[in-house]
C-alpha atoms as a PDB file:
ATOM      1  CA  MET A   1      17.419 150.419  72.757  1.00  0.00           C
ATOM      2  CA  LYS A   2      17.434 152.093  69.428  1.00  0.00           C
ATOM      3  CA  THR A   3      14.448 152.442  67.042  1.00  0.00           C
ATOM      4  CA  MET A   4      13.981 153.769  63.509  1.00  0.00           C
ATOM      5  CA  LEU A   5      11.963 156.994  63.011  1.00  0.00           C
ATOM      6  CA  ASN A   6      10.672 157.602  59.328  1.00  0.00           C
ATOM      7  CA  ILE A   7       9.662 161.228  58.570  1.00  0.00           C
ATOM      8  CA  LYS A   8       8.635 162.970  55.451  1.00  0.00           C
ATOM      9  CA  THR A   9      10.323 166.191  54.631  1.00  0.00           C
ATOM     10  CA  GLU A  10      11.317 168.364  51.674  1.00  0.00           C
ATOM     11  CA  LYS A  11      14.334 166.806  49.737  1.00  0.00           C
ATOM     12  CA  LYS A  12      16.076 170.234  49.528  1.00  0.00           C
ATOM     13  CA  LEU A  13      15.413 170.769  53.346  1.00  0.00           C
ATOM     14  CA  LYS A  14      17.012 167.486  54.167  1.00  0.00           C
ATOM     15  CA  GLU A  15      20.013 168.150  51.873  1.00  0.00           C
ATOM     16  CA  LYS A  16      20.552 171.656  53.312  1.00  0.00           C
ATOM     17  CA  ALA A  17      20.113 170.202  56.969  1.00  0.00           C
ATOM     18  CA  GLN A  18      22.688 167.481  56.169  1.00  0.00           C
ATOM     19  CA  LYS A  19      25.153 169.953  54.532  1.00  0.00           C
ATOM     20  CA  VAL A  20      24.986 172.172  57.817  1.00  0.00           C
ATOM     21  CA  ALA A  21      25.333 169.287  60.082  1.00  0.00           C
ATOM     22  CA  THR A  22      28.415 167.992  58.154  1.00  0.00           C
ATOM     23  CA  GLU A  23      29.931 171.501  58.209  1.00  0.00           C
ATOM     24  CA  LEU A  24      29.515 171.411  61.989  1.00  0.00           C
ATOM     25  CA  GLY A  25      30.986 167.904  62.230  1.00  0.00           C
ATOM     26  CA  LEU A  26      27.702 166.169  63.278  1.00  0.00           C
ATOM     27  CA  PRO A  27      25.581 163.508  61.927  1.00  0.00           C
ATOM     28  CA  LEU A  28      22.112 164.752  61.094  1.00  0.00           C
ATOM     29  CA  THR A  29      20.747 162.071  63.456  1.00  0.00           C
ATOM     30  CA  THR A  30      22.551 163.683  66.345  1.00  0.00           C
ATOM     31  CA  VAL A  31      20.982 166.954  65.551  1.00  0.00           C
ATOM     32  CA  ILE A  32      17.449 165.470  65.341  1.00  0.00           C
ATOM     33  CA  ASN A  33      17.797 163.546  68.468  1.00  0.00           C
ATOM     34  CA  ASN A  34      18.893 166.562  70.279  1.00  0.00           C
ATOM     35  CA  TYR A  35      15.716 168.539  69.245  1.00  0.00           C
ATOM     36  CA  LEU A  36      13.575 165.519  70.168  1.00  0.00           C
ATOM     37  CA  ARG A  37      15.151 165.483  73.741  1.00  0.00           C
ATOM     38  CA  GLU A  38      14.634 169.243  74.047  1.00  0.00           C
ATOM     39  CA  PHE A  39      11.083 168.849  72.899  1.00  0.00           C
ATOM     40  CA  VAL A  40      10.431 166.000  75.411  1.00  0.00           C
ATOM     41  CA  GLU A  41      12.084 167.893  78.220  1.00  0.00           C
ATOM     42  CA  GLU A  42      10.658 171.251  77.838  1.00  0.00           C
ATOM     43  CA  ARG A  43       7.303 170.293  76.416  1.00  0.00           C
ATOM     44  CA  ARG A  44       7.365 173.108  73.846  1.00  0.00           C
ATOM     45  CA  VAL A  45       8.030 173.790  70.195  1.00  0.00           C
ATOM     46  CA  VAL A  46       9.861 176.959  69.258  1.00  0.00           C
ATOM     47  CA  PHE A  47       9.354 178.425  65.785  1.00  0.00           C
ATOM     48  CA  SER A  48      11.625 181.420  65.114  1.00  0.00           C
ATOM     49  CA  ASN A  49      11.368 183.781  62.337  1.00  0.00           C
ATOM     50  CA  HIS A  50      14.181 186.166  62.383  1.00  0.00           C
ATOM     51  CA  PRO A  51      13.588 189.508  60.886  1.00  0.00           C
ATOM     52  CA  MET A  52      14.754 190.077  57.417  1.00  0.00           C
ATOM     53  CA  LEU A  53      16.494 193.285  56.218  1.00  0.00           C
ATOM     54  CA  ASN A  54      15.180 194.994  53.159  1.00  0.00           C
ATOM     55  CA  ILE A  55      17.474 195.292  50.226  1.00  0.00           C
ATOM     56  CA  LYS A  56      18.356 198.861  50.755  1.00  0.00           C
ATOM     57  CA  THR A  57      19.328 198.317  54.506  1.00  0.00           C
ATOM     58  CA  ARG A  58      21.100 195.042  53.609  1.00  0.00           C
ATOM     59  CA  GLU A  59      23.183 196.893  50.999  1.00  0.00           C
ATOM     60  CA  GLU A  60      23.995 199.861  53.449  1.00  0.00           C
ATOM     61  CA  LEU A  61      24.931 197.391  56.026  1.00  0.00           C
ATOM     62  CA  ASP A  62      27.227 195.380  53.588  1.00  0.00           C
ATOM     63  CA  GLY A  63      28.987 198.646  52.867  1.00  0.00           C
ATOM     64  CA  ILE A  64      29.520 199.495  56.377  1.00  0.00           C
ATOM     65  CA  LEU A  65      30.978 196.086  57.177  1.00  0.00           C
ATOM     66  CA  LYS A  66      33.239 196.447  54.036  1.00  0.00           C
ATOM     67  CA  ASP A  67      34.560 199.727  55.240  1.00  0.00           C
ATOM     68  CA  ILE A  68      35.287 198.119  58.560  1.00  0.00           C
ATOM     69  CA  ARG A  69      37.183 195.247  57.001  1.00  0.00           C
ATOM     70  CA  ASP A  70      39.120 197.772  54.762  1.00  0.00           C
ATOM     71  CA  ASP A  71      39.758 200.051  57.849  1.00  0.00           C
ATOM     72  CA  LYS A  72      37.997 202.973  55.844  1.00  0.00           C
ATOM     73  CA  ASN A  73      35.637 205.730  56.808  1.00  0.00           C
ATOM     74  CA  LEU A  74      36.360 204.995  60.669  1.00  0.00           C
ATOM     75  CA  SER A  75      36.712 207.660  63.200  1.00  0.00           C
ATOM     76  CA  PRO A  76      39.928 207.552  65.482  1.00  0.00           C
ATOM     77  CA  THR A  77      39.761 206.438  69.046  1.00  0.00           C
ATOM     78  CA  PHE A  78      39.835 209.008  71.685  1.00  0.00           C
ATOM     79  CA  LYS A  79      41.354 209.214  75.187  1.00  0.00           C
ATOM     80  CA  ASN A  80      38.797 211.564  76.588  1.00  0.00           C
ATOM     81  CA  VAL A  81      35.523 213.350  75.705  1.00  0.00           C
ATOM     82  CA  ALA A  82      37.087 216.642  74.889  1.00  0.00           C
ATOM     83  CA  ASP A  83      39.143 215.132  72.139  1.00  0.00           C
ATOM     84  CA  ALA A  84      36.153 213.477  70.691  1.00  0.00           C
ATOM     85  CA  ILE A  85      34.107 216.659  70.659  1.00  0.00           C
ATOM     86  CA  GLN A  86      37.030 218.484  69.055  1.00  0.00           C
ATOM     87  CA  TYR A  87      36.996 215.767  66.342  1.00  0.00           C
ATOM     88  CA  LEU A  88      33.268 216.248  65.691  1.00  0.00           C
ATOM     89  CA  LYS A  89      33.707 220.038  65.360  1.00  0.00           C
ATOM     90  CA  SER A  90      36.466 219.833  62.939  1.00  0.00           C
END
């Protein structure tokens, strides 16, 4: 038997959640039902707050990722430690 659940949430949050669910090919109802099942089965609520990088670190990381994509500023691969040490000394 199905029932309706009415909740209040921020309009922008709902829109963003619907967009992500659509991108994943899921109805938002499926996502919410999954969270409710998990809540009932595990009897816990998980709030996660992922660490945020500061602007300088984010810019540095973006530069590194661009270099990797562009195959720039990368060391060669080595077959043994002696070759790696020789490369570092040069």
